Amino acid sequence: MHMEKLHIRPLKRRHITDYTVKVISTVGALVGLFFLTWILYEVTLRGLMALNWAFFTELPSPPGVTGGGVANAILGTVIITILAAIMGTPLGILAGVFLAEFGKGSKFSSLVRFMTNILIGVPSIIVGVFVYTLIVAPMKSFSGLAGAVSLAIIMLPVIVRTTEDMLNMVPNSLRESGLALGVSRWQVTLQIVFKAARSGMLTGILLAVARVSGETAPLLFTAMNSSYWLTSLNEPTANLTVTIFNYAMSPYADWQAKAWGASLLIMAAVLALNIFARLVTRKKVT
């Protein structure tokens, strides 16, 4: 009888603990969903009021003058992000392939993995200061190129880890089958392993691009901003995030409204990239 009571008490305690954790988790999820919905609602509502044809086609207006747009900032953001992806994606994929395929168990791969994990946690403003010292200060000018380099550095560890994880999920039987047919190791990696993991690798690239799309701090130290069209990557380059920062802090109502519109553009772009990444993964799974 005594043993049965001892058995019932821990069982009840486990049920209570399980129920408590479920309640706390549900409340936490609802709180996060509430604030996410609130942010989406506010940005969408305020941002839509600022969108018009001039917003997408005209240059910024002078301080205190209504009208104008952020066309140069939109173009600058697209160019900087594409250039950052061109810089960071190949290097990240190569590093991920080395960690997953050729460097398993080596001390060097452990060092690379450790440094990658550290780089993921480095604040973006530190990356901006680093690139400022490396490129901006020697060139004595802010530039779109420096901004792209800073974003590429932020993208790099995300792509490395995603590539490594996706390649490690590919069954070894596929590699062994290719090697058994006399195919070289690099051909097996490119033609078999990459095809099996391409969906997950693409998802990682898209998520890395989505992450840097809203970065402001590194661009403040590298690309800065401009009121003119981009004519060279070696000059200050307009971009949406720094434009939002400048406009939101200004005392002009028109600029503040445009800051909401630019925020809506970035939010829509990030959501679109995340949704597309999810669809790519789901399509592969199904």
Protein backbone atom coordinates (compact mmCIF):
# COMPACT_ATOMS: atom_id res chain seq x y z
CA MET A 1 0.00 0.00 0.00
CA HIS A 2 2.85 2.34 0.89
CA MET A 3 4.64 1.58 -2.39
CA GLU A 4 1.46 2.36 -4.38
CA LYS A 5 1.23 5.81 -2.77
CA LEU A 6 4.87 6.49 -3.61
CA HIS A 7 4.15 5.50 -7.21
CA ILE A 8 1.00 7.68 -7.47
CA ARG A 9 2.65 10.83 -6.08
CA PRO A 10 5.49 11.01 -8.65
CA LEU A 11 2.97 10.27 -11.39
CA LYS A 12 0.74 13.15 -10.30
CA ARG A 13 3.77 15.41 -9.99
CA ARG A 14 4.85 14.56 -13.54
CA HIS A 15 1.34 15.31 -14.86
CA ILE A 16 1.30 18.66 -13.04
CA THR A 17 4.76 19.53 -14.35
CA ASP A 18 3.80 18.54 -17.87
CA TYR A 19 0.62 20.61 -17.76
CA THR A 20 2.47 23.61 -16.30
CA VAL A 21 5.12 23.53 -19.01
CA LYS A 22 2.43 23.28 -21.70
CA VAL A 23 0.58 26.28 -20.27
CA ILE A 24 3.76 28.38 -20.03
CA SER A 25 4.79 27.41 -23.58
CA THR A 26 1.35 28.25 -24.94
CA VAL A 27 1.27 31.61 -23.19
CA GLY A 28 4.77 32.41 -24.47
CA ALA A 29 3.76 31.52 -28.03
CA LEU A 30 0.60 33.63 -27.79
CA VAL A 31 2.54 36.61 -26.43
CA GLY A 32 5.06 36.36 -29.27
CA LEU A 33 2.27 35.99 -31.84
CA PHE A 34 0.45 38.99 -30.36
CA PHE A 35 3.46 41.29 -30.66
CA LEU A 36 4.28 39.98 -34.14
CA THR A 37 0.72 40.64 -35.29
CA TRP A 38 0.79 44.08 -33.69
CA ILE A 39 4.05 44.98 -35.46
CA LEU A 40 2.77 43.70 -38.80
CA TYR A 41 -0.46 45.65 -38.38
CA GLU A 42 1.18 48.94 -37.40
CA VAL A 43 3.87 48.81 -40.08
CA THR A 44 1.39 47.80 -42.77
CA LEU A 45 -1.19 50.42 -41.79
CA ARG A 46 1.27 53.29 -41.54
CA GLY A 47 3.44 52.15 -44.41
CA LEU A 48 0.64 51.83 -46.94
CA MET A 49 -0.29 55.49 -46.45
CA ALA A 50 3.20 56.52 -47.58
CA LEU A 51 3.31 54.41 -50.72
CA ASN A 52 2.69 56.09 -54.06
CA TRP A 53 4.30 56.27 -57.49
CA ALA A 54 6.74 59.01 -56.45
CA PHE A 55 7.87 56.90 -53.48
CA PHE A 56 9.28 54.28 -55.86
CA THR A 57 10.54 56.52 -58.66
CA GLU A 58 11.83 59.83 -57.26
CA LEU A 59 14.87 60.91 -55.27
CA PRO A 60 14.52 62.12 -51.66
CA SER A 61 13.22 65.62 -51.15
CA PRO A 62 15.27 68.25 -49.28
CA PRO A 63 14.70 68.55 -45.51
CA GLY A 64 11.34 70.12 -44.75
CA VAL A 65 10.06 69.79 -48.33
CA THR A 66 7.21 67.33 -48.90
CA GLY A 67 7.18 64.88 -51.77
CA GLY A 68 9.96 62.88 -53.31
CA GLY A 69 10.70 59.23 -52.74
CA VAL A 70 13.34 56.67 -51.88
CA ALA A 71 14.04 55.18 -55.30
CA ASN A 72 17.81 55.51 -54.88
CA ALA A 73 17.66 53.76 -51.51
CA ILE A 74 15.66 50.87 -52.98
CA LEU A 75 18.17 50.47 -55.80
CA GLY A 76 21.12 50.75 -53.41
CA THR A 77 19.69 48.12 -51.06
CA VAL A 78 19.11 45.68 -53.92
CA ILE A 79 22.63 46.18 -55.32
CA ILE A 80 24.36 45.92 -51.93
CA THR A 81 22.39 42.79 -50.98
CA ILE A 82 23.03 41.07 -54.32
CA LEU A 83 26.73 41.92 -54.16
CA ALA A 84 26.92 40.62 -50.58
CA ALA A 85 25.25 37.37 -51.66
CA ILE A 86 27.72 37.01 -54.55
CA MET A 87 30.60 37.46 -52.12
CA GLY A 88 29.36 35.37 -49.22
CA THR A 89 27.53 32.48 -50.87
CA PRO A 90 30.38 30.73 -52.76
CA LEU A 91 32.80 31.04 -49.84
CA GLY A 92 30.17 29.84 -47.38
CA ILE A 93 29.26 26.83 -49.53
CA LEU A 94 32.92 25.89 -50.01
CA ALA A 95 33.57 26.09 -46.28
CA GLY A 96 30.46 24.03 -45.54
CA VAL A 97 31.52 21.39 -48.08
CA PHE A 98 34.95 21.19 -46.49
CA LEU A 99 33.49 20.70 -43.01
CA ALA A 100 30.96 18.07 -44.14
CA GLU A 101 32.87 16.17 -46.81
CA PHE A 102 36.62 16.58 -46.67
CA GLY A 103 37.61 17.83 -43.23
CA LYS A 104 35.66 15.56 -40.93
CA GLY A 105 37.51 14.82 -37.72
CA SER A 106 40.48 17.09 -38.45
CA LYS A 107 41.68 19.72 -36.02
CA PHE A 108 41.47 22.39 -38.68
CA SER A 109 37.79 21.65 -39.33
CA SER A 110 37.09 21.85 -35.60
CA LEU A 111 38.81 25.25 -35.55
CA VAL A 112 36.79 26.46 -38.56
CA ARG A 113 33.55 25.25 -36.99
CA PHE A 114 34.43 26.94 -33.70
CA MET A 115 35.25 30.24 -35.41
CA THR A 116 32.04 30.01 -37.43
CA ASN A 117 30.00 29.62 -34.27
CA ILE A 118 31.71 32.66 -32.77
CA LEU A 119 31.11 34.70 -35.92
CA ILE A 120 27.39 33.92 -35.80
CA GLY A 121 27.17 35.54 -32.38
CA VAL A 122 29.25 38.64 -33.18
CA PRO A 123 27.05 41.80 -33.10
CA SER A 124 26.60 43.31 -36.52
CA ILE A 125 27.90 46.69 -35.35
CA ILE A 126 31.25 45.06 -34.58
CA VAL A 127 31.37 43.78 -38.14
CA GLY A 128 30.64 47.31 -39.33
CA VAL A 129 33.50 48.75 -37.26
CA PHE A 130 35.83 46.02 -38.55
CA VAL A 131 35.02 46.73 -42.20
CA TYR A 132 35.29 50.46 -41.53
CA THR A 133 38.84 49.92 -40.31
CA LEU A 134 39.64 47.49 -43.11
CA ILE A 135 38.16 49.31 -46.13
CA VAL A 136 36.55 52.68 -45.35
CA ALA A 137 39.44 54.23 -43.45
CA PRO A 138 42.13 53.29 -46.01
CA MET A 139 39.89 54.42 -48.90
CA LYS A 140 38.93 57.58 -46.94
CA SER A 141 35.36 57.23 -48.14
CA PHE A 142 32.20 55.34 -47.31
CA SER A 143 31.16 53.03 -50.12
CA GLY A 144 28.60 50.52 -51.27
CA LEU A 145 31.42 48.01 -51.69
CA ALA A 146 32.30 48.26 -47.99
CA GLY A 147 28.62 47.82 -47.13
CA ALA A 148 28.40 44.69 -49.25
CA VAL A 149 31.53 43.26 -47.60
CA SER A 150 30.07 43.81 -44.13
CA LEU A 151 26.81 42.08 -45.07
CA ALA A 152 28.73 39.22 -46.71
CA ILE A 153 30.63 38.64 -43.47
CA ILE A 154 27.33 38.44 -41.58
CA MET A 155 25.90 36.02 -44.16
CA LEU A 156 28.97 33.79 -44.24
CA PRO A 157 28.59 31.80 -40.98
CA VAL A 158 24.88 31.20 -41.60
CA ILE A 159 25.57 29.71 -45.02
CA VAL A 160 28.51 27.66 -43.70
CA ARG A 161 26.51 26.03 -40.92
CA THR A 162 23.43 25.46 -43.08
CA THR A 163 25.49 23.88 -45.85
CA GLU A 164 27.31 21.62 -43.42
CA ASP A 165 24.08 20.52 -41.73
CA MET A 166 22.30 19.84 -45.01
CA LEU A 167 25.21 17.84 -46.43
CA ASN A 168 25.49 15.81 -43.23
CA MET A 169 21.82 14.84 -43.63
CA VAL A 170 22.52 13.18 -46.98
CA PRO A 171 22.81 9.38 -46.43
CA ASN A 172 26.31 7.97 -46.81
CA SER A 173 24.86 5.23 -49.00
CA LEU A 174 24.53 7.78 -51.83
CA ARG A 175 28.20 8.67 -51.56
CA GLU A 176 29.24 5.04 -51.40
CA SER A 177 27.13 4.20 -54.44
CA GLY A 178 28.80 6.90 -56.50
CA LEU A 179 32.29 5.95 -55.36
CA ALA A 180 31.55 2.30 -56.11
CA LEU A 181 30.83 3.24 -59.73
CA GLY A 182 34.29 4.76 -60.03
CA VAL A 183 33.21 8.40 -59.79
CA SER A 184 35.73 10.75 -58.17
CA ARG A 185 35.03 12.26 -54.77
CA TRP A 186 34.49 15.79 -56.04
CA GLN A 187 32.10 14.54 -58.72
CA VAL A 188 30.12 12.63 -56.11
CA THR A 189 29.90 15.81 -54.03
CA LEU A 190 28.80 18.03 -56.91
CA GLN A 191 26.56 15.68 -58.87
CA ILE A 192 25.01 13.53 -56.14
CA VAL A 193 25.36 15.08 -52.69
CA PHE A 194 24.60 18.62 -53.86
CA LYS A 195 21.47 17.50 -55.70
CA ALA A 196 20.21 15.72 -52.61
CA ALA A 197 20.84 18.74 -50.37
CA ARG A 198 20.16 21.62 -52.76
CA SER A 199 16.77 22.46 -51.26
CA GLY A 200 18.15 22.87 -47.75
CA MET A 201 21.19 24.77 -49.02
CA LEU A 202 18.98 27.16 -50.96
CA THR A 203 16.90 27.68 -47.84
CA GLY A 204 20.01 28.59 -45.87
CA ILE A 205 21.08 31.11 -48.51
CA LEU A 206 17.64 32.73 -48.57
CA LEU A 207 17.52 32.96 -44.78
CA ALA A 208 21.00 34.52 -44.74
CA VAL A 209 19.87 37.11 -47.30
CA ALA A 210 16.74 37.77 -45.25
CA ARG A 211 18.85 38.30 -42.15
CA VAL A 212 21.10 40.96 -43.70
CA SER A 213 18.26 42.72 -45.52
CA GLY A 214 17.30 44.61 -42.38
CA GLU A 215 20.77 45.35 -41.02
CA THR A 216 21.42 48.99 -40.21
CA ALA A 217 24.44 49.16 -37.90
CA PRO A 218 27.08 47.80 -40.31
CA LEU A 219 25.86 50.07 -43.12
CA LEU A 220 26.12 53.14 -40.88
CA PHE A 221 29.86 52.49 -40.68
CA THR A 222 30.38 51.39 -44.27
CA ALA A 223 27.88 52.50 -46.93
CA MET A 224 26.44 55.45 -44.96
CA ASN A 225 23.78 57.08 -47.14
CA SER A 226 23.27 59.36 -50.11
CA SER A 227 20.58 61.56 -51.62
CA TYR A 228 21.61 60.77 -55.18
CA TRP A 229 21.55 57.88 -57.63
CA LEU A 230 24.29 55.31 -57.35
CA THR A 231 27.04 55.94 -59.91
CA SER A 232 29.89 54.00 -58.32
CA LEU A 233 30.34 51.39 -55.61
CA ASN A 234 33.26 53.42 -54.25
CA GLU A 235 31.04 56.24 -52.97
CA PRO A 236 28.43 56.56 -50.19
CA THR A 237 25.42 54.51 -51.23
CA ALA A 238 21.78 55.07 -50.38
CA ASN A 239 20.02 52.16 -48.68
CA LEU A 240 16.68 51.63 -47.02
CA THR A 241 17.79 50.78 -43.50
CA VAL A 242 19.93 53.88 -42.97
CA THR A 243 17.25 55.96 -44.71
CA ILE A 244 14.70 54.64 -42.20
CA PHE A 245 17.05 55.53 -39.35
CA ASN A 246 17.59 59.08 -40.62
CA TYR A 247 13.96 59.73 -41.54
CA ALA A 248 12.50 58.28 -38.36
CA MET A 249 14.78 60.49 -36.22
CA SER A 250 13.96 63.62 -38.20
CA PRO A 251 11.41 66.23 -37.04
CA TYR A 252 9.63 66.23 -40.43
CA ALA A 253 6.29 64.42 -40.64
CA ASP A 254 6.75 63.66 -44.35
CA TRP A 255 10.10 61.96 -43.76
CA GLN A 256 8.67 60.02 -40.82
CA ALA A 257 5.85 58.78 -43.07
CA LYS A 258 8.39 57.67 -45.67
CA ALA A 259 10.28 55.82 -42.93
CA TRP A 260 7.13 53.76 -42.32
CA GLY A 261 6.83 53.08 -46.05
CA ALA A 262 10.45 51.94 -46.29
CA SER A 263 9.93 49.75 -43.21
CA LEU A 264 6.98 48.12 -44.95
CA LEU A 265 9.13 47.36 -48.01
CA ILE A 266 11.85 45.69 -45.94
CA MET A 267 9.32 43.76 -43.87
CA ALA A 268 7.55 42.51 -47.00
CA ALA A 269 10.85 41.47 -48.57
CA VAL A 270 11.98 39.56 -45.47
CA LEU A 271 8.59 37.84 -45.13
CA ALA A 272 8.62 36.90 -48.81
CA LEU A 273 12.09 35.37 -48.53
CA ASN A 274 11.14 33.40 -45.41
CA ILE A 275 7.89 32.15 -46.96
CA PHE A 276 9.70 31.15 -50.15
CA ALA A 277 12.32 29.30 -48.12
CA ARG A 278 9.57 27.42 -46.28
CA LEU A 279 7.86 26.53 -49.54
CA VAL A 280 11.10 25.22 -51.02
CA THR A 281 11.70 23.03 -47.98
CA ARG A 282 8.11 21.77 -47.91
CA LYS A 283 8.19 20.95 -51.61
CA LYS A 284 11.33 18.90 -51.09
CA VAL A 285 9.86 17.04 -48.14
CA THR A 286 6.62 16.19 -49.91
